[in-house]
C-alpha atoms as a PDB file:
ATOM      1  CA  MET A   1      10.052  22.793  -0.643  1.00  0.00           C
ATOM      2  CA  GLY A   2      10.350  19.023  -0.910  1.00  0.00           C
ATOM      3  CA  THR A   3       8.382  15.829  -0.997  1.00  0.00           C
ATOM      4  CA  GLY A   4       7.801  13.543   1.956  1.00  0.00           C
ATOM      5  CA  LEU A   5       6.108  10.296   2.852  1.00  0.00           C
ATOM      6  CA  ARG A   6       3.853   9.649   5.815  1.00  0.00           C
ATOM      7  CA  ILE A   7       2.554   6.231   6.812  1.00  0.00           C
ATOM      8  CA  PHE A   8      -0.641   5.650   8.772  1.00  0.00           C
ATOM      9  CA  LEU A   9      -1.803   2.242   9.954  1.00  0.00           C
ATOM     10  CA  ILE A  10      -5.590   2.014  10.058  1.00  0.00           C
ATOM     11  CA  ASN A  11      -6.939   0.112  13.055  1.00  0.00           C
ATOM     12  CA  ASP A  12     -10.068  -2.046  13.028  1.00  0.00           C
ATOM     13  CA  ASP A  13     -12.030   0.850  14.558  1.00  0.00           C
ATOM     14  CA  ASP A  14     -10.845   3.113  11.674  1.00  0.00           C
ATOM     15  CA  SER A  15      -8.560   5.120  13.955  1.00  0.00           C
ATOM     16  CA  LEU A  16      -5.159   6.132  12.582  1.00  0.00           C
ATOM     17  CA  GLN A  17      -1.761   5.317  13.960  1.00  0.00           C
ATOM     18  CA  ARG A  18       1.160   7.316  12.535  1.00  0.00           C
ATOM     19  CA  PHE A  19       3.964   4.916  11.732  1.00  0.00           C
ATOM     20  CA  PRO A  20       7.612   5.950  11.289  1.00  0.00           C
ATOM     21  CA  LEU A  21       8.850   5.610   7.714  1.00  0.00           C
ATOM     22  CA  ALA A  22      12.188   4.093   8.781  1.00  0.00           C
ATOM     23  CA  ARG A  23      10.389   1.385  10.729  1.00  0.00           C
ATOM     24  CA  PHE A  24       8.010   0.740   7.818  1.00  0.00           C
ATOM     25  CA  GLU A  25      10.999   0.284   5.512  1.00  0.00           C
ATOM     26  CA  ARG A  26      12.577  -2.172   7.960  1.00  0.00           C
ATOM     27  CA  LEU A  27       9.314  -4.148   8.043  1.00  0.00           C
ATOM     28  CA  ILE A  28       9.126  -4.283   4.241  1.00  0.00           C
ATOM     29  CA  ASP A  29      12.818  -5.224   4.048  1.00  0.00           C
ATOM     30  CA  ARG A  30      12.083  -8.068   6.507  1.00  0.00           C
ATOM     31  CA  ASP A  31      14.572  -6.876   9.127  1.00  0.00           C
ATOM     32  CA  PRO A  32      14.712  -9.815  11.587  1.00  0.00           C
ATOM     33  CA  LYS A  33      14.435  -7.439  14.568  1.00  0.00           C
ATOM     34  CA  GLU A  34      11.393  -5.587  13.240  1.00  0.00           C
ATOM     35  CA  ARG A  35       7.989  -7.008  14.068  1.00  0.00           C
ATOM     36  CA  LEU A  36       4.548  -5.953  15.233  1.00  0.00           C
ATOM     37  CA  PRO A  37       3.295  -8.818  17.415  1.00  0.00           C
ATOM     38  CA  GLN A  38      -0.093  -7.127  17.910  1.00  0.00           C
ATOM     39  CA  TYR A  39      -0.758  -7.699  14.187  1.00  0.00           C
ATOM     40  CA  ALA A  40       0.463 -11.314  14.038  1.00  0.00           C
ATOM     41  CA  GLY A  41      -1.596 -13.326  11.548  1.00  0.00           C
ATOM     42  CA  LYS A  42      -3.608 -10.282  10.430  1.00  0.00           C
ATOM     43  CA  ARG A  43      -4.116  -8.156   7.329  1.00  0.00           C
ATOM     44  CA  ILE A  44      -3.827  -4.477   8.227  1.00  0.00           C
ATOM     45  CA  ARG A  45      -4.879  -1.471   6.158  1.00  0.00           C
ATOM     46  CA  TYR A  46      -2.450   1.377   5.769  1.00  0.00           C
ATOM     47  CA  ALA A  47      -2.214   4.681   3.941  1.00  0.00           C
ATOM     48  CA  LEU A  48       1.000   5.865   2.327  1.00  0.00           C
ATOM     49  CA  VAL A  49       0.741   9.618   1.853  1.00  0.00           C
ATOM     50  CA  ILE A  50       2.984  11.527  -0.543  1.00  0.00           C
ATOM     51  CA  ALA A  51       2.954  15.224   0.324  1.00  0.00           C
ATOM     52  CA  ASP A  52       4.662  18.460  -0.576  1.00  0.00           C
ATOM     53  CA  LEU A  53       6.628  19.733   2.413  1.00  0.00           C
ATOM     54  CA  VAL A  54       7.681  23.210   3.465  1.00  0.00           C
ATOM     55  CA  ASN A  55      10.083  23.301   6.415  1.00  0.00           C
ATOM     56  CA  ARG A  56       9.455  19.542   6.762  1.00  0.00           C
ATOM     57  CA  LYS A  57       5.708  20.092   7.297  1.00  0.00           C
ATOM     58  CA  PRO A  58       3.074  18.833   4.832  1.00  0.00           C
ATOM     59  CA  VAL A  59       1.355  21.610   2.902  1.00  0.00           C
ATOM     60  CA  GLU A  60      -0.336  19.616   0.139  1.00  0.00           C
ATOM     61  CA  ILE A  61      -1.259  15.985  -0.465  1.00  0.00           C
ATOM     62  CA  LEU A  62       0.032  14.809  -3.825  1.00  0.00           C
ATOM     63  CA  ARG A  63      -1.180  11.215  -3.660  1.00  0.00           C
ATOM     64  CA  ILE A  64      -2.404   8.623  -1.199  1.00  0.00           C
ATOM     65  CA  GLN A  65      -2.022   4.895  -1.717  1.00  0.00           C
ATOM     66  CA  TYR A  66      -4.370   2.738   0.337  1.00  0.00           C
ATOM     67  CA  SER A  67      -2.857  -0.728   0.695  1.00  0.00           C
ATOM     68  CA  ILE A  68      -2.874  -3.789   2.911  1.00  0.00           C
ATOM     69  CA  LEU A  69      -0.009  -5.353   4.856  1.00  0.00           C
ATOM     70  CA  THR A  70      -0.175  -9.055   5.637  1.00  0.00           C
ATOM     71  CA  PHE A  71       1.616 -10.201   8.784  1.00  0.00           C
ATOM     72  CA  ASP A  72       2.835 -13.700   9.599  1.00  0.00           C
ATOM     73  CA  SER A  73       2.397 -15.504  12.916  1.00  0.00           C
ATOM     74  CA  GLU A  74       5.368 -13.621  14.422  1.00  0.00           C
ATOM     75  CA  GLY A  75       4.158 -10.149  13.450  1.00  0.00           C
ATOM     76  CA  LYS A  76       6.587  -9.772  10.546  1.00  0.00           C
ATOM     77  CA  ILE A  77       5.545  -8.965   6.995  1.00  0.00           C
ATOM     78  CA  ASP A  78       4.424 -12.228   5.393  1.00  0.00           C
ATOM     79  CA  ALA A  79       7.217 -12.858   2.869  1.00  0.00           C
ATOM     80  CA  ALA A  80       5.182 -15.245   0.702  1.00  0.00           C
ATOM     81  CA  GLU A  81       2.281 -12.798   0.459  1.00  0.00           C
ATOM     82  CA  LEU A  82       4.629  -9.892  -0.303  1.00  0.00           C
ATOM     83  CA  GLU A  83       6.209 -11.932  -3.091  1.00  0.00           C
ATOM     84  CA  LYS A  84       2.753 -12.745  -4.520  1.00  0.00           C
ATOM     85  CA  GLU A  85       1.853  -9.051  -4.431  1.00  0.00           C
ATOM     86  CA  MET A  86       5.061  -8.046  -6.215  1.00  0.00           C
ATOM     87  CA  ARG A  87       4.704 -10.786  -8.811  1.00  0.00           C
ATOM     88  CA  LEU A  88       1.103  -9.804  -9.514  1.00  0.00           C
ATOM     89  CA  GLY A  89       2.159  -6.154  -9.746  1.00  0.00           C
ATOM     90  CA  VAL A  90       4.739  -7.020 -12.392  1.00  0.00           C
ATOM     91  CA  ASP A  91       2.325  -9.297 -14.260  1.00  0.00           C
ATOM     92  CA  MET A  92      -0.196  -6.438 -14.514  1.00  0.00           C
ATOM     93  CA  VAL A  93       2.089  -4.426 -16.765  1.00  0.00           C
ATOM     94  CA  PRO A  94       1.105  -5.061 -20.370  1.00  0.00           C
ATOM     95  CA  ILE A  95       4.198  -5.818 -22.348  1.00  0.00           C
ATOM     96  CA  GLY A  96       3.918  -5.581 -26.106  1.00  0.00           C
ATOM     97  CA  LYS A  97       2.760  -9.115 -26.770  1.00  0.00           C
ATOM     98  CA  THR A  98       2.335  -9.739 -30.444  1.00  0.00           C
ATOM     99  CA  THR A  99       0.439 -12.748 -31.622  1.00  0.00           C
ATOM    100  CA  ALA A 100      -0.865 -13.955 -34.918  1.00  0.00           C
ATOM    101  CA  THR A 101      -4.431 -13.964 -33.624  1.00  0.00           C
ATOM    102  CA  SER A 102      -7.258 -12.019 -35.144  1.00  0.00           C
ATOM    103  CA  LEU A 103      -7.213  -8.255 -34.650  1.00  0.00           C
ATOM    104  CA  LYS A 104     -10.700  -8.612 -33.171  1.00  0.00           C
ATOM    105  CA  VAL A 105      -9.303 -10.515 -30.177  1.00  0.00           C
ATOM    106  CA  VAL A 106      -8.357  -8.228 -27.304  1.00  0.00           C
ATOM    107  CA  ASP A 107      -5.787  -9.328 -24.736  1.00  0.00           C
ATOM    108  CA  ALA A 108      -7.362  -8.170 -21.485  1.00  0.00           C
ATOM    109  CA  GLU A 109      -5.246 -10.301 -19.166  1.00  0.00           C
ATOM    110  CA  HIS A 110      -3.568  -7.287 -17.554  1.00  0.00           C
ATOM    111  CA  HIS A 111      -7.008  -5.801 -16.778  1.00  0.00           C
ATOM    112  CA  PHE A 112      -8.051  -8.985 -14.966  1.00  0.00           C
ATOM    113  CA  LEU A 113      -4.739  -9.067 -13.103  1.00  0.00           C
ATOM    114  CA  GLN A 114      -5.174  -5.423 -12.113  1.00  0.00           C
ATOM    115  CA  LYS A 115      -8.643  -6.168 -10.752  1.00  0.00           C
ATOM    116  CA  ARG A 116      -7.260  -9.122  -8.777  1.00  0.00           C
ATOM    117  CA  TYR A 117      -4.488  -6.895  -7.402  1.00  0.00           C
ATOM    118  CA  GLU A 118      -6.953  -4.172  -6.398  1.00  0.00           C
ATOM    119  CA  ASN A 119      -9.262  -6.665  -4.694  1.00  0.00           C
ATOM    120  CA  ARG A 120      -6.457  -8.364  -2.772  1.00  0.00           C
ATOM    121  CA  TYR A 121      -4.042  -5.567  -1.890  1.00  0.00           C
ATOM    122  CA  LEU A 122      -5.873  -2.230  -2.015  1.00  0.00           C
ATOM    123  CA  TRP A 123      -8.815  -0.761  -0.115  1.00  0.00           C
ATOM    124  CA  ARG A 124     -11.031   2.302  -0.371  1.00  0.00           C
ATOM    125  CA  PRO A 125     -11.205   4.758   2.516  1.00  0.00           C
ATOM    126  CA  THR A 126     -14.379   6.161   3.954  1.00  0.00           C
ATOM    127  CA  PRO A 127     -14.794   9.953   3.927  1.00  0.00           C
ATOM    128  CA  GLU A 128     -14.156   9.853   7.687  1.00  0.00           C
ATOM    129  CA  ILE A 129     -10.784   8.153   7.205  1.00  0.00           C
ATOM    130  CA  GLU A 130      -9.821  10.635   4.490  1.00  0.00           C
ATOM    131  CA  GLU A 131     -10.742  13.479   6.830  1.00  0.00           C
ATOM    132  CA  ALA A 132      -8.764  11.908   9.693  1.00  0.00           C
ATOM    133  CA  ILE A 133      -5.678  11.644   7.466  1.00  0.00           C
ATOM    134  CA  GLU A 134      -5.975  15.307   6.477  1.00  0.00           C
ATOM    135  CA  LYS A 135      -6.391  16.296  10.113  1.00  0.00           C
ATOM    136  CA  ALA A 136      -3.375  14.208  11.135  1.00  0.00           C
ATOM    137  CA  LEU A 137      -1.271  15.836   8.418  1.00  0.00           C
ATOM    138  CA  PHE A 138      -2.353  19.437   8.692  1.00  0.00           C
ATOM    139  CA  GLY A 139      -3.753  19.671  12.213  1.00  0.00           C
END
């Protein structure tokens, strides 16, 4: 038994396209040879599925992350947008700030940053998309 990742791109018509993990990693790493010209200038939904595997086949979904990829005019991952996403992700983590302000004042900055991150970089699937992912994984 092991753990595996599966990537699905979600098309505008909500259909799924299985996407090889190695190619996804090359896209994220900004490999100069890796591009998807059909998505040039677009924001594309994707699902990253973490699953338990038996004999390299998924048997249970552990977690699904529903995110958005932003492509530049050449069909590569938009480096500036990826950097913004990573920076916002780091900024969301509350680090033990101590101030001399009143104990009645609550520092909610990380909550606002988390909301901004969710609105910009995450999406919620419909029940039909969830069902399609399960069908694609388990048959």
